[in-house]
Protein backbone atom coordinates (compact mmCIF):
# COMPACT_ATOMS: atom_id res chain seq x y z
CA UNK A 1 -108.64 -8.96 92.30
CA UNK A 2 -110.36 -5.64 92.99
CA UNK A 3 -109.21 -5.53 96.63
CA UNK A 4 -105.58 -5.40 95.50
CA UNK A 5 -106.13 -1.96 93.98
CA UNK A 6 -108.57 -0.80 96.66
CA UNK A 7 -108.13 2.21 98.88
CA UNK A 8 -108.18 0.43 102.24
CA UNK A 9 -104.49 -0.30 103.00
CA UNK A 10 -104.92 -3.42 105.17
CA UNK A 11 -107.32 -5.04 102.75
CA UNK A 12 -105.03 -4.18 99.81
CA UNK A 13 -101.97 -5.61 101.59
CA UNK A 14 -103.83 -8.82 102.44
CA UNK A 15 -104.99 -9.22 98.83
CA UNK A 16 -101.46 -8.70 97.50
CA UNK A 17 -100.04 -11.22 99.98
CA UNK A 18 -102.71 -13.69 98.93
CA UNK A 19 -101.65 -13.30 95.31
CA UNK A 20 -97.99 -13.75 96.26
CA UNK A 21 -98.81 -16.97 98.13
CA UNK A 22 -100.78 -18.27 95.15
CA UNK A 23 -97.68 -17.77 92.99
CA UNK A 24 -99.23 -19.11 89.79
CA UNK A 25 -99.09 -17.55 86.34
CA UNK A 26 -102.38 -15.69 86.85
CA UNK A 27 -101.24 -14.23 90.19
CA UNK A 28 -97.94 -13.11 88.67
CA UNK A 29 -99.73 -11.49 85.73
CA UNK A 30 -102.15 -9.74 88.06
CA UNK A 31 -99.39 -8.44 90.33
CA UNK A 32 -97.39 -7.24 87.34
CA UNK A 33 -100.40 -5.53 85.78
CA UNK A 34 -101.28 -3.92 89.08
CA UNK A 35 -97.72 -2.62 89.53
CA UNK A 36 -97.86 -1.06 86.08
CA UNK A 37 -101.37 0.37 86.52
CA UNK A 38 -100.43 1.87 89.89
CA UNK A 39 -96.96 3.11 88.81
CA UNK A 40 -95.53 5.55 91.28
CA UNK A 41 -98.14 4.79 93.96
CA UNK A 42 -97.70 2.76 97.16
CA UNK A 43 -99.72 -0.05 95.57
CA UNK A 44 -97.01 -0.40 92.91
CA UNK A 45 -94.36 -0.85 95.59
CA UNK A 46 -96.51 -3.45 97.34
CA UNK A 47 -97.16 -5.35 94.11
CA UNK A 48 -93.44 -5.34 93.26
CA UNK A 49 -92.64 -6.56 96.79
CA UNK A 50 -95.18 -9.35 96.36
CA UNK A 51 -93.57 -10.36 93.03
CA UNK A 52 -90.18 -10.36 94.74
CA UNK A 53 -91.44 -12.89 97.30
CA UNK A 54 -92.36 -15.37 94.57
CA UNK A 55 -89.35 -17.61 93.96
CA UNK A 56 -90.27 -18.44 90.39
CA UNK A 57 -88.61 -17.45 87.13
CA UNK A 58 -91.95 -16.14 85.82
CA UNK A 59 -92.03 -13.59 88.66
CA UNK A 60 -88.42 -12.61 87.92
CA UNK A 61 -89.31 -12.11 84.26
CA UNK A 62 -92.30 -9.98 85.27
CA UNK A 63 -89.99 -7.81 87.38
CA UNK A 64 -87.56 -7.50 84.48
CA UNK A 65 -90.43 -6.46 82.20
CA UNK A 66 -91.33 -3.69 84.67
CA UNK A 67 -87.89 -2.13 84.07
CA UNK A 68 -89.24 -1.05 80.64
CA UNK A 69 -91.42 1.52 82.37
CA UNK A 70 -89.68 4.53 83.92
CA UNK A 71 -92.13 4.85 86.84
CA UNK A 72 -91.62 1.18 87.80
CA UNK A 73 -87.94 0.82 86.93
CA UNK A 74 -86.26 1.63 90.27
CA UNK A 75 -88.65 -0.52 92.29
CA UNK A 76 -88.12 -3.45 89.90
CA UNK A 77 -84.33 -2.99 89.91
CA UNK A 78 -84.30 -2.94 93.71
CA UNK A 79 -86.51 -6.05 93.86
CA UNK A 80 -84.39 -8.04 91.42
CA UNK A 81 -81.25 -6.98 93.27
CA UNK A 82 -82.77 -8.37 96.46
CA UNK A 83 -83.82 -11.58 94.70
CA UNK A 84 -80.14 -11.92 93.84
CA UNK A 85 -78.28 -14.35 91.65
CA UNK A 86 -81.19 -16.81 91.95
CA UNK A 87 -82.58 -14.79 89.01
CA UNK A 88 -79.43 -15.42 86.94
CA UNK A 89 -81.19 -16.76 83.84
CA UNK A 90 -83.59 -13.81 83.86
CA UNK A 91 -80.70 -11.37 84.21
CA UNK A 92 -78.81 -13.04 81.35
CA UNK A 93 -81.98 -12.62 79.29
CA UNK A 94 -82.14 -8.94 80.32
CA UNK A 95 -78.65 -8.32 78.94
CA UNK A 96 -79.78 -9.46 75.49
CA UNK A 97 -83.14 -7.68 75.52
CA UNK A 98 -83.83 -5.44 72.47
CA UNK A 99 -84.57 -2.50 74.80
CA UNK A 100 -81.56 -0.44 75.83
CA UNK A 101 -83.48 0.58 78.97
CA UNK A 102 -83.87 -3.05 80.03
CA UNK A 103 -80.22 -3.84 79.30
CA UNK A 104 -79.12 -0.75 81.25
CA UNK A 105 -81.40 -1.68 84.17
CA UNK A 106 -79.97 -5.21 84.13
CA UNK A 107 -76.45 -3.81 84.36
CA UNK A 108 -77.62 -1.70 87.30
CA UNK A 109 -79.03 -4.80 89.02
CA UNK A 110 -75.85 -6.81 88.47
CA UNK A 111 -73.69 -3.89 89.62
CA UNK A 112 -75.44 -3.95 93.00
CA UNK A 113 -74.67 -7.63 93.55
CA UNK A 114 -71.45 -8.94 94.99
CA UNK A 115 -71.39 -12.35 93.40
CA UNK A 116 -68.92 -13.91 90.97
CA UNK A 117 -71.67 -14.93 88.56
CA UNK A 118 -73.04 -11.37 88.54
CA UNK A 119 -69.56 -10.08 87.68
CA UNK A 120 -69.29 -12.60 84.81
CA UNK A 121 -72.66 -11.48 83.45
CA UNK A 122 -71.65 -7.83 83.81
CA UNK A 123 -68.52 -8.43 81.76
CA UNK A 124 -70.65 -9.62 78.82
CA UNK A 125 -72.29 -6.17 78.75
CA UNK A 126 -68.92 -4.68 77.75
CA UNK A 127 -69.72 -5.89 74.22
CA UNK A 128 -73.19 -4.28 74.12
CA UNK A 129 -74.14 -2.22 71.05
CA UNK A 130 -75.05 0.75 73.23
CA UNK A 131 -72.22 3.00 74.45
CA UNK A 132 -74.31 3.88 77.52
CA UNK A 133 -74.73 0.21 78.49
CA UNK A 134 -71.02 -0.50 77.87
CA UNK A 135 -70.07 2.55 79.94
CA UNK A 136 -72.34 1.52 82.82
CA UNK A 137 -70.91 -2.02 82.76
CA UNK A 138 -67.31 -0.74 82.71
CA UNK A 139 -67.99 1.61 85.60
CA UNK A 140 -69.69 -1.14 87.59
CA UNK A 141 -66.86 -3.60 87.01
CA UNK A 142 -64.27 -0.99 87.89
CA UNK A 143 -66.17 -0.03 91.04
CA UNK A 144 -66.42 -3.71 92.07
CA UNK A 145 -62.70 -4.23 91.41
CA UNK A 146 -61.77 -1.11 93.36
CA UNK A 147 -63.99 -2.11 96.27
CA UNK A 148 -62.29 -5.50 96.35
CA UNK A 149 -58.93 -3.72 96.38
CA UNK A 150 -60.02 -1.32 99.12
CA UNK A 151 -59.70 1.81 96.96
CA UNK A 152 -62.16 4.66 97.52
CA UNK A 153 -62.73 8.38 97.14
CA UNK A 154 -61.22 10.55 94.41
CA UNK A 155 -58.88 7.82 93.17
CA UNK A 156 -61.79 5.47 92.42
CA UNK A 157 -63.75 8.26 90.68
CA UNK A 158 -60.80 8.81 88.32
CA UNK A 159 -60.61 5.08 87.59
CA UNK A 160 -64.36 4.85 86.85
CA UNK A 161 -64.12 7.77 84.49
CA UNK A 162 -61.08 6.32 82.72
CA UNK A 163 -62.73 2.90 82.31
CA UNK A 164 -65.91 4.44 80.94
CA UNK A 165 -63.99 6.50 78.37
CA UNK A 166 -62.01 3.50 77.16
CA UNK A 167 -65.07 1.29 76.71
CA UNK A 168 -67.34 3.92 75.17
CA UNK A 169 -64.69 5.03 72.66
CA UNK A 170 -64.23 1.60 71.13
CA UNK A 171 -64.39 1.51 67.33
CA UNK A 172 -67.90 1.18 66.02
CA UNK A 173 -69.48 2.97 68.97
């Protein structure tokens, strides 16, 4: 859809909304491709927002795939965080992805959610092969636990640091 990448903002927004309403495999592929092709530009943000509106696992997977690309990663992480635990199966898939970047982004997404199922998924990342992913998961779980307990400030920073050291220093890391 050439209007989706066009320079006229209203026409582009209407085209992206039209794709989001269509919500079929072709529309999802087009929105994902457009987000990647326009990485870092306002069109990328609009395409990611359109994908976020589609309540379909294929759209969630497309957003997860965008976390592979540094210029798209934050927008995709934010979108999947807003989608929430509805994307649970996609997030579980992200934790077992071969790419450390995708696994790390998935931990980031789960860390932003306050949901029991997100916490359960996060805990599985403590066994990840990557010390960086394990560390991020440990810090996220510690932060969530401390928030639940009402702890903040310097005390919580010390706890995050301690948890990260323990997890990243496990044998075989």
